[in-house]
C-alpha atoms as a PDB file:
ATOM      1  CA  MET A   1       0.060   0.034   0.097  1.00  0.00           C
ATOM      2  CA  THR A   2       1.284   3.470  -1.042  1.00  0.00           C
ATOM      3  CA  THR A   3       1.561   5.955   1.845  1.00  0.00           C
ATOM      4  CA  ALA A   4       1.191   9.563   1.734  1.00  0.00           C
ATOM      5  CA  THR A   5       3.051  12.006   3.825  1.00  0.00           C
ATOM      6  CA  ALA A   6       1.391  13.830   6.546  1.00  0.00           C
ATOM      7  CA  PRO A   7       1.553  17.477   6.553  1.00  0.00           C
ATOM      8  CA  ARG A   8       3.631  19.401   9.105  1.00  0.00           C
ATOM      9  CA  PRO A   9       2.055  22.268  11.193  1.00  0.00           C
ATOM     10  CA  SER A  10       3.780  24.561   8.992  1.00  0.00           C
ATOM     11  CA  GLY A  11       2.019  23.354   5.883  1.00  0.00           C
ATOM     12  CA  GLU A  12       5.123  21.443   4.513  1.00  0.00           C
ATOM     13  CA  PRO A  13       5.079  17.860   4.054  1.00  0.00           C
ATOM     14  CA  SER A  14       6.626  15.645   6.579  1.00  0.00           C
ATOM     15  CA  SER A  15       9.403  13.258   5.427  1.00  0.00           C
ATOM     16  CA  LYS A  16       7.762  10.416   7.618  1.00  0.00           C
ATOM     17  CA  PRO A  17       5.327   8.143   5.969  1.00  0.00           C
ATOM     18  CA  SER A  18       1.694   8.173   7.295  1.00  0.00           C
ATOM     19  CA  THR A  19       0.630   4.972   8.773  1.00  0.00           C
ATOM     20  CA  GLU A  20      -2.969   6.038   8.240  1.00  0.00           C
ATOM     21  CA  PRO A  21      -5.080   3.977   5.696  1.00  0.00           C
ATOM     22  CA  ASN A  22      -6.293   5.879   2.635  1.00  0.00           C
ATOM     23  CA  THR A  23     -10.036   6.716   2.418  1.00  0.00           C
ATOM     24  CA  GLY A  24     -10.844   3.696   0.072  1.00  0.00           C
ATOM     25  CA  GLU A  25      -9.256   1.466   2.427  1.00  0.00           C
ATOM     26  CA  ARG A  26     -11.237   2.830   5.470  1.00  0.00           C
ATOM     27  CA  LEU A  27     -14.488   2.517   3.710  1.00  0.00           C
ATOM     28  CA  ASN A  28     -13.479  -0.997   2.515  1.00  0.00           C
ATOM     29  CA  ARG A  29     -13.073  -2.153   6.290  1.00  0.00           C
ATOM     30  CA  LEU A  30     -16.061  -0.168   7.436  1.00  0.00           C
ATOM     31  CA  ARG A  31     -18.441  -1.765   4.668  1.00  0.00           C
ATOM     32  CA  ALA A  32     -16.988  -5.302   5.345  1.00  0.00           C
ATOM     33  CA  ALA A  33     -17.651  -4.861   9.066  1.00  0.00           C
ATOM     34  CA  VAL A  34     -21.035  -3.349   8.713  1.00  0.00           C
ATOM     35  CA  LEU A  35     -22.000  -6.213   6.227  1.00  0.00           C
ATOM     36  CA  GLY A  36     -20.447  -8.814   8.355  1.00  0.00           C
ATOM     37  CA  ALA A  37     -22.220  -7.571  11.642  1.00  0.00           C
ATOM     38  CA  ASN A  38     -25.438  -7.466   9.914  1.00  0.00           C
ATOM     39  CA  ASP A  39     -25.154 -10.795   8.386  1.00  0.00           C
ATOM     40  CA  GLY A  40     -23.982 -12.454  11.569  1.00  0.00           C
ATOM     41  CA  ILE A  41     -27.219 -11.160  13.384  1.00  0.00           C
ATOM     42  CA  VAL A  42     -29.591 -12.152  10.589  1.00  0.00           C
ATOM     43  CA  SER A  43     -28.292 -15.465   9.329  1.00  0.00           C
ATOM     44  CA  THR A  44     -27.485 -16.786  12.810  1.00  0.00           C
ATOM     45  CA  ALA A  45     -30.818 -15.762  14.055  1.00  0.00           C
ATOM     46  CA  ALA A  46     -32.628 -17.323  10.924  1.00  0.00           C
ATOM     47  CA  VAL A  47     -30.897 -20.507  11.401  1.00  0.00           C
ATOM     48  CA  LEU A  48     -31.716 -20.541  15.187  1.00  0.00           C
ATOM     49  CA  VAL A  49     -35.518 -19.952  14.790  1.00  0.00           C
ATOM     50  CA  GLY A  50     -35.718 -22.134  11.769  1.00  0.00           C
ATOM     51  CA  VAL A  51     -34.417 -24.994  13.895  1.00  0.00           C
ATOM     52  CA  ALA A  52     -36.600 -23.698  16.578  1.00  0.00           C
ATOM     53  CA  GLY A  53     -39.484 -23.950  14.338  1.00  0.00           C
ATOM     54  CA  ALA A  54     -38.830 -27.591  13.794  1.00  0.00           C
ATOM     55  CA  THR A  55     -37.765 -28.832  17.264  1.00  0.00           C
ATOM     56  CA  SER A  56     -37.782 -27.546  20.887  1.00  0.00           C
ATOM     57  CA  ASP A  57     -34.724 -29.304  21.745  1.00  0.00           C
ATOM     58  CA  SER A  58     -32.264 -26.888  23.022  1.00  0.00           C
ATOM     59  CA  ARG A  59     -29.258 -29.016  22.370  1.00  0.00           C
ATOM     60  CA  THR A  60     -30.095 -29.273  18.640  1.00  0.00           C
ATOM     61  CA  ILE A  61     -30.887 -25.547  18.677  1.00  0.00           C
ATOM     62  CA  ALA A  62     -27.539 -24.544  20.073  1.00  0.00           C
ATOM     63  CA  MET A  63     -25.530 -26.871  18.034  1.00  0.00           C
ATOM     64  CA  SER A  64     -27.100 -25.455  14.859  1.00  0.00           C
ATOM     65  CA  GLY A  65     -26.544 -22.106  15.960  1.00  0.00           C
ATOM     66  CA  MET A  66     -22.796 -22.845  16.580  1.00  0.00           C
ATOM     67  CA  ALA A  67     -22.523 -24.190  13.237  1.00  0.00           C
ATOM     68  CA  ALA A  68     -24.048 -21.315  11.820  1.00  0.00           C
ATOM     69  CA  VAL A  69     -21.670 -19.053  13.529  1.00  0.00           C
ATOM     70  CA  VAL A  70     -18.607 -20.824  12.431  1.00  0.00           C
ATOM     71  CA  GLY A  71     -19.731 -21.451   9.003  1.00  0.00           C
ATOM     72  CA  GLY A  72     -21.020 -17.871   8.355  1.00  0.00           C
ATOM     73  CA  ALA A  73     -17.965 -16.084   9.777  1.00  0.00           C
ATOM     74  CA  VAL A  74     -15.548 -18.097   7.349  1.00  0.00           C
ATOM     75  CA  SER A  75     -17.943 -17.771   4.535  1.00  0.00           C
ATOM     76  CA  MET A  76     -18.123 -14.002   5.076  1.00  0.00           C
ATOM     77  CA  ALA A  77     -14.420 -13.578   5.330  1.00  0.00           C
ATOM     78  CA  LEU A  78     -13.809 -15.608   2.260  1.00  0.00           C
ATOM     79  CA  GLY A  79     -16.446 -13.692   0.295  1.00  0.00           C
ATOM     80  CA  GLU A  80     -14.784 -10.377   1.295  1.00  0.00           C
ATOM     81  CA  TYR A  81     -11.240 -11.588   0.439  1.00  0.00           C
ATOM     82  CA  VAL A  82     -12.333 -12.815  -3.049  1.00  0.00           C
ATOM     83  CA  SER A  83     -14.403  -9.647  -3.653  1.00  0.00           C
ATOM     84  CA  VAL A  84     -11.746  -7.165  -2.404  1.00  0.00           C
ATOM     85  CA  SER A  85      -9.033  -8.988  -4.371  1.00  0.00           C
ATOM     86  CA  SER A  86     -11.101  -8.494  -7.560  1.00  0.00           C
ATOM     87  CA  GLN A  87     -11.408  -4.855  -6.640  1.00  0.00           C
ATOM     88  CA  ARG A  88      -7.679  -4.518  -5.994  1.00  0.00           C
ATOM     89  CA  ASP A  89      -6.866  -6.202  -9.507  1.00  0.00           C
ATOM     90  CA  SER A  90      -9.141  -3.406 -11.063  1.00  0.00           C
ATOM     91  CA  GLU A  91      -7.528  -0.682  -9.096  1.00  0.00           C
ATOM     92  CA  ARG A  92      -4.178  -1.848 -10.211  1.00  0.00           C
ATOM     93  CA  VAL A  93      -5.290  -2.064 -14.091  1.00  0.00           C
ATOM     94  CA  MET A  94      -6.626   1.498 -13.464  1.00  0.00           C
ATOM     95  CA  GLY A  95      -3.300   2.655 -12.274  1.00  0.00           C
ATOM     96  CA  GLU A  96      -4.478   3.473  -8.833  1.00  0.00           C
ATOM     97  CA  THR A  97      -1.560   3.904  -6.219  1.00  0.00           C
ATOM     98  CA  GLU A  98      -3.439   3.442  -3.083  1.00  0.00           C
ATOM     99  CA  LEU A  99      -5.009  -0.064  -3.188  1.00  0.00           C
ATOM    100  CA  VAL A 100      -7.706  -1.587  -1.014  1.00  0.00           C
ATOM    101  CA  ASN A 101      -6.510  -4.525   1.426  1.00  0.00           C
ATOM    102  CA  PRO A 102      -8.327  -7.886   0.797  1.00  0.00           C
ATOM    103  CA  TYR A 103      -7.129  -9.097   4.037  1.00  0.00           C
ATOM    104  CA  SER A 104      -8.279  -6.200   6.262  1.00  0.00           C
ATOM    105  CA  ALA A 105     -11.829  -6.582   4.647  1.00  0.00           C
ATOM    106  CA  ALA A 106     -11.832 -10.311   5.414  1.00  0.00           C
ATOM    107  CA  ILE A 107     -10.774  -9.852   8.964  1.00  0.00           C
ATOM    108  CA  ALA A 108     -13.114  -6.910   9.546  1.00  0.00           C
ATOM    109  CA  SER A 109     -15.916  -9.128   8.230  1.00  0.00           C
ATOM    110  CA  PHE A 110     -14.992 -12.144  10.050  1.00  0.00           C
ATOM    111  CA  ILE A 111     -14.930 -10.511  13.465  1.00  0.00           C
ATOM    112  CA  SER A 112     -18.169  -8.424  12.991  1.00  0.00           C
ATOM    113  CA  PHE A 113     -19.923 -11.554  11.871  1.00  0.00           C
ATOM    114  CA  VAL A 114     -18.841 -13.257  15.004  1.00  0.00           C
ATOM    115  CA  LEU A 115     -19.756 -10.278  17.106  1.00  0.00           C
ATOM    116  CA  GLY A 116     -23.171  -9.931  15.470  1.00  0.00           C
ATOM    117  CA  ALA A 117     -23.969 -13.619  15.762  1.00  0.00           C
ATOM    118  CA  ALA A 118     -23.067 -13.753  19.439  1.00  0.00           C
ATOM    119  CA  LEU A 119     -26.342 -11.730  20.211  1.00  0.00           C
ATOM    120  CA  PRO A 120     -28.959 -14.071  18.739  1.00  0.00           C
ATOM    121  CA  PHE A 121     -26.788 -17.101  19.655  1.00  0.00           C
ATOM    122  CA  ALA A 122     -26.690 -15.993  23.364  1.00  0.00           C
ATOM    123  CA  ALA A 123     -30.288 -15.396  23.277  1.00  0.00           C
ATOM    124  CA  ALA A 124     -30.992 -18.988  21.947  1.00  0.00           C
ATOM    125  CA  VAL A 125     -28.587 -20.702  24.621  1.00  0.00           C
ATOM    126  CA  LEU A 126     -29.679 -18.586  27.556  1.00  0.00           C
ATOM    127  CA  ALA A 127     -33.439 -17.712  27.160  1.00  0.00           C
ATOM    128  CA  PRO A 128     -36.624 -18.818  25.550  1.00  0.00           C
ATOM    129  CA  VAL A 129     -36.757 -18.850  21.799  1.00  0.00           C
ATOM    130  CA  TRP A 130     -38.813 -15.857  21.272  1.00  0.00           C
ATOM    131  CA  THR A 131     -36.193 -13.906  22.755  1.00  0.00           C
ATOM    132  CA  ILE A 132     -34.114 -14.380  19.644  1.00  0.00           C
ATOM    133  CA  PHE A 133     -36.580 -12.327  17.760  1.00  0.00           C
ATOM    134  CA  ALA A 134     -36.615  -9.367  20.265  1.00  0.00           C
ATOM    135  CA  VAL A 135     -32.667  -9.431  20.547  1.00  0.00           C
ATOM    136  CA  THR A 136     -32.437  -9.520  16.954  1.00  0.00           C
ATOM    137  CA  LEU A 137     -34.869  -6.757  16.470  1.00  0.00           C
ATOM    138  CA  VAL A 138     -32.771  -4.617  18.959  1.00  0.00           C
ATOM    139  CA  ALA A 139     -29.572  -5.616  17.204  1.00  0.00           C
ATOM    140  CA  LEU A 140     -30.774  -4.708  13.740  1.00  0.00           C
ATOM    141  CA  VAL A 141     -32.013  -1.266  14.924  1.00  0.00           C
ATOM    142  CA  LEU A 142     -28.530  -0.620  16.396  1.00  0.00           C
ATOM    143  CA  THR A 143     -26.730  -1.708  13.255  1.00  0.00           C
ATOM    144  CA  GLY A 144     -29.030   0.269  10.991  1.00  0.00           C
ATOM    145  CA  THR A 145     -28.520   3.538  13.158  1.00  0.00           C
ATOM    146  CA  LEU A 146     -24.841   2.902  13.139  1.00  0.00           C
ATOM    147  CA  SER A 147     -24.536   2.324   9.600  1.00  0.00           C
ATOM    148  CA  ALA A 148     -26.734   5.546   8.787  1.00  0.00           C
ATOM    149  CA  LYS A 149     -24.613   7.685  11.238  1.00  0.00           C
ATOM    150  CA  LEU A 150     -21.422   6.613   9.907  1.00  0.00           C
ATOM    151  CA  VAL A 151     -22.164   7.868   6.381  1.00  0.00           C
ATOM    152  CA  SER A 152     -24.546  10.572   7.265  1.00  0.00           C
ATOM    153  CA  ALA A 153     -27.663   8.923   5.765  1.00  0.00           C
ATOM    154  CA  PRO A 154     -31.289   9.392   6.756  1.00  0.00           C
ATOM    155  CA  LEU A 155     -32.061   7.139  10.037  1.00  0.00           C
ATOM    156  CA  ALA A 156     -35.454   5.840   9.050  1.00  0.00           C
ATOM    157  CA  PRO A 157     -34.842   4.250   5.700  1.00  0.00           C
ATOM    158  CA  ALA A 158     -31.429   2.594   6.795  1.00  0.00           C
ATOM    159  CA  ILE A 159     -33.235   1.197   9.996  1.00  0.00           C
ATOM    160  CA  GLY A 160     -36.368   0.190   7.818  1.00  0.00           C
ATOM    161  CA  ARG A 161     -34.437  -1.755   5.356  1.00  0.00           C
ATOM    162  CA  ILE A 162     -32.422  -3.650   7.918  1.00  0.00           C
ATOM    163  CA  VAL A 163     -35.031  -4.471  10.499  1.00  0.00           C
ATOM    164  CA  GLY A 164     -37.692  -5.322   7.640  1.00  0.00           C
ATOM    165  CA  GLY A 165     -35.117  -7.761   5.886  1.00  0.00           C
ATOM    166  CA  GLY A 166     -33.910  -9.212   9.014  1.00  0.00           C
ATOM    167  CA  MET A 167     -37.722  -9.687  10.242  1.00  0.00           C
ATOM    168  CA  LEU A 168     -38.824 -11.440   7.168  1.00  0.00           C
ATOM    169  CA  ALA A 169     -35.841 -13.684   7.274  1.00  0.00           C
ATOM    170  CA  LEU A 170     -36.754 -14.845  10.556  1.00  0.00           C
ATOM    171  CA  ALA A 171     -40.449 -15.213   9.907  1.00  0.00           C
ATOM    172  CA  VAL A 172     -39.741 -17.286   6.812  1.00  0.00           C
ATOM    173  CA  THR A 173     -37.185 -19.561   8.294  1.00  0.00           C
ATOM    174  CA  PHE A 174     -39.165 -19.985  11.335  1.00  0.00           C
ATOM    175  CA  ALA A 175     -42.043 -21.023   9.073  1.00  0.00           C
ATOM    176  CA  ALA A 176     -40.059 -23.271   6.981  1.00  0.00           C
ATOM    177  CA  GLY A 177     -38.754 -25.052  10.142  1.00  0.00           C
ATOM    178  CA  TRP A 178     -41.998 -25.323  11.593  1.00  0.00           C
ATOM    179  CA  ILE A 179     -43.475 -26.861   8.323  1.00  0.00           C
ATOM    180  CA  PHE A 180     -40.541 -29.090   7.848  1.00  0.00           C
ATOM    181  CA  GLY A 181     -40.408 -30.199  11.546  1.00  0.00           C
ATOM    182  CA  ALA A 182     -44.175 -31.088  11.281  1.00  0.00           C
ATOM    183  CA  THR A 183     -43.739 -33.405   8.270  1.00  0.00           C
ATOM    184  CA  VAL A 184     -40.584 -35.221   9.405  1.00  0.00           C
END
């Protein structure tokens, strides 16, 4: 990654390279982190309520949730790595000097997925299944608020999209689990 020189107080550039990532790289990590957290919340909660729709066995629900957390975090990290590597290749072709880092996007996505997934997973393990819906709703409102504030976007549409999509995913997977669980 090419580094810029930081201006000195007098306005002259410093001879010391800056260790701050460029704007594109900061946005790269931010995007990966927001998407990772949102996907961790929604996909883990969806697996948990889908399984809970099919069975009330808490051990089965917890094991399914753990598989969703691990598989989802690895999948998100790999997806970010591949996507950002392609972006980096395009930046090279276009002659860009400040390239995005696929490793930082993958790490940000992995960590934020696990942190997001921890909320519905903890709800499933520690409380009745209905709390997964409540915890997920609160987590999605927080994620929507944070993402809107970080980019100075209107709050209501950002929250509405995230909460609406997340709750739809939970309703559909619960119904699928309930229908499948009733027929097995």
